[in-house]
Amino acid sequence: MTADVNNVGQSSWSAESIGPATLAQVMEEMERRVARGDLARFRPLPTGFDPLDDVLNGGLHQGELMIVGGPFGVGKTIFALQVARNVVRSDEGNGAMYVCYEHDRAHLMLRLMCLESAETRGKEDALTLRRLSELALHADGVGLITQLRRMPRYAAFLETMASYSHRLALVKASGDTTTLAQIRQWVQEMASAGYQRLFLVVDYLQKIPVNLTELQPETEVTTHLTQGLKELAMSLGIYVLAIAASDRPGLKARRMRLSDLRGSSALQYEADIGIVLNNKYEIVSREHMIYNPTQAEAMRNWVVLSVEKNRAGRNAVDMEFALDAPHFRMATAGGFVRERLVDERVILA
């Protein structure tokens, strides 16, 4: 199947003509599209995290932009890369592109190796960056992948990675040259492979270069970039996740919120879904720390994922997921936070 580069897969929803139509015409067009199997609009793209997908009514929907924020080191890249991996692993018709301004392609690949080995072997026998470095340093003329394939306990996870490796594109981005126009070109080229659904991750939004002679204030820059990613999602009929950085005051906040991200007004307005990650230990009310210090210490290994905006369903929802930082993954089965969290205010667009 060859996809129209202006519209991923079989769907033509994003190619709807600009201008008015009567309600009767819209109803007739809907009837025709559903009858011929053009159902992309009704098929959400699961993130692979539960109960997040339930809160999002099945996952991301075509043309949506998800913004993910949080403090340094909380696990934003872990979450975003794992969602991309979940997307391509769940369906052979899915493709994903991870555009990263922070890490090179080899580092992202090594992270995926640690993640996939932990999923296959469990944490006790999984690979870490240190173990992978040791293997590479003692390769003795043999490639790292070849070494791992010769080790029975690791061969299985490599087969799993191979099953989706051709459908996950890792992009080393440049803060000088990788503009929105360049990202659009790469997405269009990938779409030509005929994926039914295409997922794009940008890590992270404020690193995308813009023409500063035209856009000076940071709020204008963020507005321009957020609108551009939203237009990319809608015009190409894809699903977009963008990581956003915090502003300076937000870094000092005990609990980071969507309003603490750089250019927050634009992010809150343009995003279809707004998610903020925080370390559970940092944001749980101190009463829980006093009465059960052992349990409180264990909270350091949990991430609270707060859905602060959700155009398609519930918002102001706090979920928690166990973090396995050495293997760059979060447990995909989580739960709703039962403890009282600090700063209960929620900013809604």
Protein backbone atom coordinates (compact mmCIF):
# COMPACT_ATOMS: atom_id res chain seq x y z
CA MET A 1 0.00 0.00 0.00
CA THR A 2 1.32 3.44 -0.86
CA ALA A 3 0.17 6.29 1.34
CA ASP A 4 -0.50 9.83 0.24
CA VAL A 5 2.27 11.79 1.97
CA ASN A 6 -0.29 14.44 2.84
CA ASN A 7 -2.38 11.89 4.69
CA VAL A 8 -1.12 8.80 6.49
CA GLY A 9 -2.63 5.42 5.70
CA GLN A 10 -6.09 4.87 4.33
CA SER A 11 -7.82 7.73 6.11
CA SER A 12 -8.77 10.92 4.32
CA TRP A 13 -10.17 12.75 7.35
CA SER A 14 -7.24 15.14 7.55
CA ALA A 15 -7.59 15.95 3.84
CA GLU A 16 -11.04 17.49 4.35
CA SER A 17 -11.42 20.57 2.18
CA ILE A 18 -11.25 24.00 3.77
CA GLY A 19 -14.57 25.85 3.91
CA PRO A 20 -18.20 25.40 4.95
CA ALA A 21 -20.52 22.43 4.51
CA THR A 22 -24.08 21.92 5.67
CA LEU A 23 -24.76 19.47 8.47
CA ALA A 24 -26.57 17.27 5.93
CA GLN A 25 -23.45 17.18 3.74
CA VAL A 26 -21.25 16.29 6.72
CA MET A 27 -23.62 13.46 7.66
CA GLU A 28 -23.60 12.12 4.10
CA GLU A 29 -19.80 12.24 3.93
CA MET A 30 -19.52 10.47 7.28
CA GLU A 31 -21.85 7.74 6.01
CA ARG A 32 -19.76 7.21 2.85
CA ARG A 33 -16.44 7.07 4.70
CA VAL A 34 -17.57 4.63 7.37
CA ALA A 35 -19.24 2.43 4.74
CA ARG A 36 -15.98 2.12 2.79
CA GLY A 37 -13.98 1.29 5.91
CA ASP A 38 -12.37 4.70 6.48
CA LEU A 39 -12.34 4.30 10.26
CA ALA A 40 -9.11 5.95 11.42
CA ARG A 41 -11.05 8.72 13.14
CA PHE A 42 -12.66 6.15 15.44
CA ARG A 43 -9.51 4.13 16.22
CA PRO A 44 -7.46 5.64 19.06
CA LEU A 45 -3.73 4.94 19.28
CA PRO A 46 -3.03 3.31 22.68
CA THR A 47 -0.01 4.50 24.64
CA GLY A 48 0.28 1.06 26.24
CA PHE A 49 -0.13 2.48 29.76
CA ASP A 50 -3.12 1.53 31.91
CA PRO A 51 -5.19 3.30 33.24
CA LEU A 52 -3.90 6.21 31.13
CA ASP A 53 -5.44 4.83 27.95
CA ASP A 54 -8.77 4.45 29.70
CA VAL A 55 -8.65 8.09 30.84
CA LEU A 56 -7.82 9.13 27.25
CA ASN A 57 -10.75 7.11 25.86
CA GLY A 58 -8.48 4.52 24.30
CA GLY A 59 -5.35 6.60 23.69
CA LEU A 60 -4.40 9.41 21.33
CA HIS A 61 -6.77 10.25 18.51
CA GLN A 62 -5.86 11.20 14.95
CA GLY A 63 -4.65 14.78 14.65
CA GLU A 64 -4.07 15.21 18.39
CA LEU A 65 -1.12 16.87 20.10
CA MET A 66 -0.04 15.62 23.53
CA ILE A 67 2.25 17.84 25.61
CA VAL A 68 4.34 16.16 28.33
CA GLY A 69 6.20 18.17 30.96
CA GLY A 70 7.94 17.62 34.27
CA PRO A 71 11.09 18.34 36.30
CA PHE A 72 14.58 17.32 35.22
CA GLY A 73 15.21 13.58 35.54
CA VAL A 74 11.64 12.61 36.35
CA GLY A 75 11.33 10.27 33.33
CA LYS A 76 9.87 12.31 30.45
CA THR A 77 12.16 10.78 27.82
CA ILE A 78 11.70 7.33 29.37
CA PHE A 79 7.93 7.71 29.05
CA ALA A 80 7.96 9.16 25.53
CA LEU A 81 10.39 6.59 24.09
CA GLN A 82 8.48 3.77 25.75
CA VAL A 83 5.21 5.00 24.24
CA ALA A 84 6.87 5.05 20.79
CA ARG A 85 8.09 1.50 21.38
CA ASN A 86 4.64 0.40 22.57
CA VAL A 87 3.02 1.90 19.47
CA VAL A 88 5.19 0.03 16.95
CA ARG A 89 5.24 -3.19 18.95
CA SER A 90 1.46 -3.34 19.28
CA ASP A 91 0.55 -3.26 15.57
CA GLU A 92 2.51 -3.99 12.39
CA GLY A 93 0.55 -1.22 10.66
CA ASN A 94 1.97 1.42 13.00
CA GLY A 95 5.10 3.49 12.48
CA ALA A 96 6.83 5.92 14.85
CA MET A 97 9.47 8.62 14.57
CA TYR A 98 11.39 9.83 17.62
CA VAL A 99 13.00 13.24 16.97
CA CYS A 100 15.51 13.89 19.73
CA TYR A 101 17.47 17.09 20.35
CA GLU A 102 19.01 15.71 23.56
CA HIS A 103 20.55 12.31 22.70
CA ASP A 104 22.09 10.61 19.68
CA ARG A 105 20.56 7.60 17.95
CA ALA A 106 22.96 5.09 19.51
CA HIS A 107 22.04 6.20 23.02
CA LEU A 108 18.33 5.82 22.28
CA MET A 109 18.99 2.35 20.86
CA LEU A 110 20.89 1.34 24.00
CA ARG A 111 18.03 2.59 26.16
CA LEU A 112 15.64 0.42 24.15
CA MET A 113 17.92 -2.57 24.64
CA CYS A 114 17.84 -2.09 28.41
CA LEU A 115 14.06 -1.67 28.35
CA GLU A 116 13.39 -4.66 26.11
CA SER A 117 15.74 -6.95 28.01
CA ALA A 118 13.99 -6.04 31.29
CA GLU A 119 10.62 -6.75 29.70
CA THR A 120 11.88 -10.17 28.57
CA ARG A 121 14.20 -11.23 31.38
CA GLY A 122 12.98 -9.23 34.36
CA LYS A 123 14.96 -6.57 36.23
CA GLU A 124 17.38 -8.97 37.92
CA ASP A 125 18.81 -10.32 34.66
CA ALA A 126 18.30 -7.30 32.40
CA LEU A 127 20.92 -5.28 30.60
CA THR A 128 22.08 -1.89 31.85
CA LEU A 129 24.17 0.77 30.11
CA ARG A 130 27.13 -0.32 32.23
CA ARG A 131 26.76 -3.96 31.18
CA LEU A 132 26.41 -2.99 27.52
CA SER A 133 29.56 -0.87 27.78
CA GLU A 134 31.47 -3.80 29.28
CA LEU A 135 30.38 -6.07 26.44
CA ALA A 136 31.38 -3.51 23.83
CA LEU A 137 34.78 -2.91 25.42
CA HIS A 138 35.53 -6.65 25.37
CA ALA A 139 34.08 -7.30 21.92
CA ASP A 140 37.39 -8.60 20.52
CA GLY A 141 36.44 -8.02 16.90
CA VAL A 142 32.79 -9.05 17.29
CA GLY A 143 29.88 -6.62 17.10
CA LEU A 144 27.77 -5.88 20.16
CA ILE A 145 24.58 -7.25 18.58
CA THR A 146 26.40 -10.43 17.53
CA GLN A 147 27.66 -10.92 21.08
CA LEU A 148 24.16 -10.57 22.50
CA ARG A 149 22.70 -12.97 19.95
CA ARG A 150 25.25 -15.60 21.00
CA MET A 151 24.04 -15.33 24.61
CA PRO A 152 20.87 -17.47 24.97
CA ARG A 153 19.38 -15.30 27.70
CA TYR A 154 19.45 -12.21 25.47
CA ALA A 155 18.59 -13.63 22.05
CA ALA A 156 14.82 -13.44 22.67
CA PHE A 157 14.67 -9.70 23.35
CA LEU A 158 16.72 -8.99 20.21
CA GLU A 159 14.13 -10.87 18.17
CA THR A 160 11.44 -8.69 19.71
CA MET A 161 13.36 -5.53 18.83
CA ALA A 162 13.92 -6.82 15.30
CA SER A 163 10.16 -7.24 14.87
CA TYR A 164 9.59 -3.48 15.09
CA SER A 165 13.03 -2.02 14.36
CA HIS A 166 12.19 -1.13 10.74
CA ARG A 167 9.09 0.79 11.83
CA LEU A 168 10.74 2.96 14.50
CA ALA A 169 12.85 5.82 13.17
CA LEU A 170 15.33 7.44 15.57
CA VAL A 171 16.23 10.97 14.52
CA LYS A 172 19.28 12.88 15.76
CA ALA A 173 18.04 16.46 15.64
CA SER A 174 20.05 19.68 15.56
CA GLY A 175 19.10 22.80 17.47
CA ASP A 176 20.54 24.79 14.56
CA THR A 177 18.99 23.11 11.50
CA THR A 178 16.18 20.72 12.46
CA THR A 179 13.23 23.05 11.95
CA LEU A 180 9.52 22.30 11.85
CA ALA A 181 9.76 22.23 8.05
CA GLN A 182 12.50 19.59 8.25
CA ILE A 183 10.47 17.46 10.67
CA ARG A 184 7.46 17.69 8.34
CA GLN A 185 9.62 16.51 5.42
CA TRP A 186 10.90 13.52 7.39
CA VAL A 187 7.38 12.58 8.48
CA GLN A 188 6.11 12.80 4.90
CA GLU A 189 8.95 10.58 3.70
CA MET A 190 8.18 8.02 6.39
CA ALA A 191 4.47 8.18 5.59
CA SER A 192 5.22 7.10 2.03
CA ALA A 193 5.99 3.61 3.43
CA GLY A 194 2.24 3.14 3.84
CA TYR A 195 1.73 3.03 7.60
CA GLN A 196 -1.87 2.96 8.72
CA ARG A 197 -1.00 5.15 11.72
CA LEU A 198 2.09 7.25 12.31
CA PHE A 199 3.23 8.51 15.70
CA LEU A 200 5.68 11.40 16.10
CA VAL A 201 7.63 12.31 19.24
CA VAL A 202 9.56 15.57 19.58
CA ASP A 203 12.05 15.65 22.47
CA TYR A 204 11.84 18.50 23.14
CA LEU A 205 9.63 21.28 21.76
CA GLN A 206 11.60 24.37 22.81
CA LYS A 207 14.75 23.04 21.10
CA ILE A 208 13.20 23.38 17.63
CA PRO A 209 15.01 26.32 15.98
CA VAL A 210 13.01 29.32 14.79
CA ASN A 211 13.77 32.61 13.08
CA LEU A 212 14.41 34.88 16.06
CA THR A 213 14.36 37.99 13.87
CA GLU A 214 10.62 37.46 13.52
CA LEU A 215 9.82 35.92 16.92
CA GLN A 216 11.45 37.49 19.97
CA PRO A 217 9.56 36.81 23.21
CA GLU A 218 9.70 33.21 24.38
CA THR A 219 5.92 33.06 24.54
CA GLU A 220 5.75 33.89 20.82
CA VAL A 221 8.32 31.21 20.02
CA THR A 222 6.44 28.55 22.01
CA THR A 223 3.14 29.61 20.45
CA HIS A 224 4.64 29.33 16.96
CA LEU A 225 6.11 25.89 17.64
CA THR A 226 3.03 24.49 19.38
CA GLN A 227 0.73 25.72 16.63
CA GLY A 228 3.11 24.23 14.06
CA LEU A 229 3.07 20.79 15.69
CA LYS A 230 -0.70 20.90 16.03
CA GLU A 231 -1.04 21.82 12.35
CA LEU A 232 1.36 18.99 11.48
CA ALA A 233 -0.79 16.52 13.40
CA MET A 234 -4.02 17.70 11.79
CA SER A 235 -2.83 18.20 8.22
CA LEU A 236 -1.02 14.84 8.01
CA GLY A 237 -3.50 12.92 10.14
CA ILE A 238 -0.83 11.71 12.57
CA TYR A 239 -0.46 11.52 16.35
CA VAL A 240 2.06 13.83 18.04
CA LEU A 241 3.69 13.83 21.48
CA ALA A 242 5.99 16.71 22.37
CA ILE A 243 8.04 17.08 25.54
CA ALA A 244 8.08 20.64 26.89
CA ALA A 245 10.63 22.26 29.18
CA SER A 246 9.82 24.12 32.39
CA ASP A 247 10.31 27.84 32.88
CA ARG A 248 12.71 29.06 35.58
CA PRO A 249 10.09 29.58 38.35
CA GLY A 250 8.60 26.19 37.54
CA LEU A 251 11.88 24.49 38.39
CA LYS A 252 11.50 25.79 41.95
CA ALA A 253 7.92 24.58 42.33
CA ARG A 254 7.42 21.64 44.63
CA ARG A 255 4.85 20.19 42.27
CA MET A 256 5.26 21.10 38.62
CA ARG A 257 2.13 21.94 36.68
CA LEU A 258 1.22 22.59 33.05
CA SER A 259 1.26 26.29 33.93
CA ASP A 260 4.94 25.97 34.94
CA LEU A 261 6.11 25.03 31.43
CA ARG A 262 7.80 27.55 29.15
CA GLY A 263 5.17 29.35 27.10
CA SER A 264 2.47 27.69 29.20
CA SER A 265 -0.46 29.72 27.86
CA ALA A 266 0.19 28.50 24.32
CA LEU A 267 0.74 24.93 25.50
CA GLN A 268 -2.47 24.91 27.50
CA TYR A 269 -4.48 26.36 24.64
CA GLU A 270 -3.11 24.33 21.70
CA ALA A 271 -2.57 20.93 23.31
CA ASP A 272 -5.34 18.36 23.13
CA ILE A 273 -3.79 16.49 26.04
CA GLY A 274 -1.59 18.02 28.73
CA ILE A 275 0.34 15.65 31.01
CA VAL A 276 2.82 16.49 33.77
CA LEU A 277 5.12 13.94 35.43
CA ASN A 278 6.33 14.38 39.01
CA ASN A 279 8.26 12.15 41.39
CA LYS A 280 5.74 10.84 43.91
CA TYR A 281 8.01 11.37 46.90
CA GLU A 282 8.31 15.07 46.09
CA ILE A 283 4.60 15.82 45.84
CA VAL A 284 2.89 13.61 48.42
CA SER A 285 1.60 15.46 51.47
CA ARG A 286 4.09 15.31 54.36
CA GLU A 287 1.56 13.61 56.64
CA HIS A 288 2.24 10.38 54.72
CA MET A 289 5.98 10.79 55.27
CA ILE A 290 5.67 11.19 59.03
CA TYR A 291 3.51 8.18 59.77
CA ASN A 292 5.13 5.68 57.44
CA PRO A 293 8.72 6.67 56.54
CA THR A 294 9.52 3.29 54.95
CA GLN A 295 6.60 3.57 52.56
CA ALA A 296 7.51 7.20 51.91
CA GLU A 297 11.05 6.26 50.86
CA ALA A 298 9.65 3.71 48.40
CA MET A 299 7.72 6.53 46.75
CA ARG A 300 10.97 7.77 45.19
CA ASN A 301 10.63 4.96 42.66
CA TRP A 302 7.15 6.03 41.54
CA VAL A 303 6.09 8.65 39.00
CA VAL A 304 2.81 10.51 39.30
CA LEU A 305 1.34 11.17 35.87
CA SER A 306 -1.25 13.96 36.02
CA VAL A 307 -3.64 14.54 33.13
CA GLU A 308 -4.31 18.26 33.46
CA LYS A 309 -6.00 18.72 30.10
CA ASN A 310 -7.92 16.24 28.00
CA ARG A 311 -10.26 17.47 25.30
CA ALA A 312 -11.63 13.98 24.69
CA GLY A 313 -12.47 13.02 28.26
CA ARG A 314 -11.56 13.31 31.93
CA ASN A 315 -8.91 15.64 33.26
CA ALA A 316 -7.54 16.49 36.71
CA VAL A 317 -6.65 12.80 37.06
CA ASP A 318 -3.54 11.63 38.95
CA MET A 319 -2.11 8.19 38.16
CA GLU A 320 1.02 6.48 39.44
CA PHE A 321 3.48 4.16 37.72
CA ALA A 322 6.53 2.35 39.08
CA LEU A 323 9.79 3.66 37.61
CA ASP A 324 12.60 1.28 36.68
CA ALA A 325 15.20 3.93 35.90
CA PRO A 326 18.23 1.62 35.35
CA HIS A 327 16.32 -0.02 32.49
CA PHE A 328 14.68 3.17 31.16
CA ARG A 329 11.11 2.03 31.57
CA MET A 330 7.96 2.54 33.58
CA ALA A 331 5.60 -0.26 34.56
CA THR A 332 2.76 -0.11 32.06
CA ALA A 333 0.21 -1.20 34.67
CA GLY A 334 -0.36 1.60 37.13
CA GLY A 335 -3.13 2.89 39.33
CA PHE A 336 -4.83 6.01 40.60
CA VAL A 337 -3.10 7.97 43.36
CA ARG A 338 -4.80 7.46 46.72
CA GLU A 339 -2.62 9.71 48.87
CA ARG A 340 -3.22 13.43 49.17
CA LEU A 341 -0.88 15.42 46.96
CA VAL A 342 0.49 18.89 47.56
CA ASP A 343 -0.89 21.85 45.61
CA GLU A 344 -4.21 20.45 44.47
CA ARG A 345 -4.93 23.31 42.08
CA VAL A 346 -5.28 22.34 38.42
CA ILE A 347 -4.91 24.86 35.59
CA LEU A 348 -7.35 24.23 32.75
CA ALA A 349 -7.32 25.85 29.33
